[in-house]
């Protein structure tokens, strides 16, 4: 499976509003605070992007690929955190 497909598959999950649960909080323990902040920012922004594009009657596949592109940028940002 290539990276593009993984990003697109992950992007479908941003249709739902962002929230944190016990499992996510457990996984975030011990992570750098900057990485957690970028992750939460990504959650909010990607959901907002998905919602706005759907409200403009964009096709769901087009919307999801656009969100996947933004997700790649957030992955890059987390990778650069020291």
Foldseek 3Di string as FASTA:
>chain_A
DDPLVVLLVVLVVLCDQDDDDPVNVVVCPPPPPVLVVLVVVLSHVSNVQLVVCVVVVDDNSVSSSVSSVVVVVSVVVSVPDD
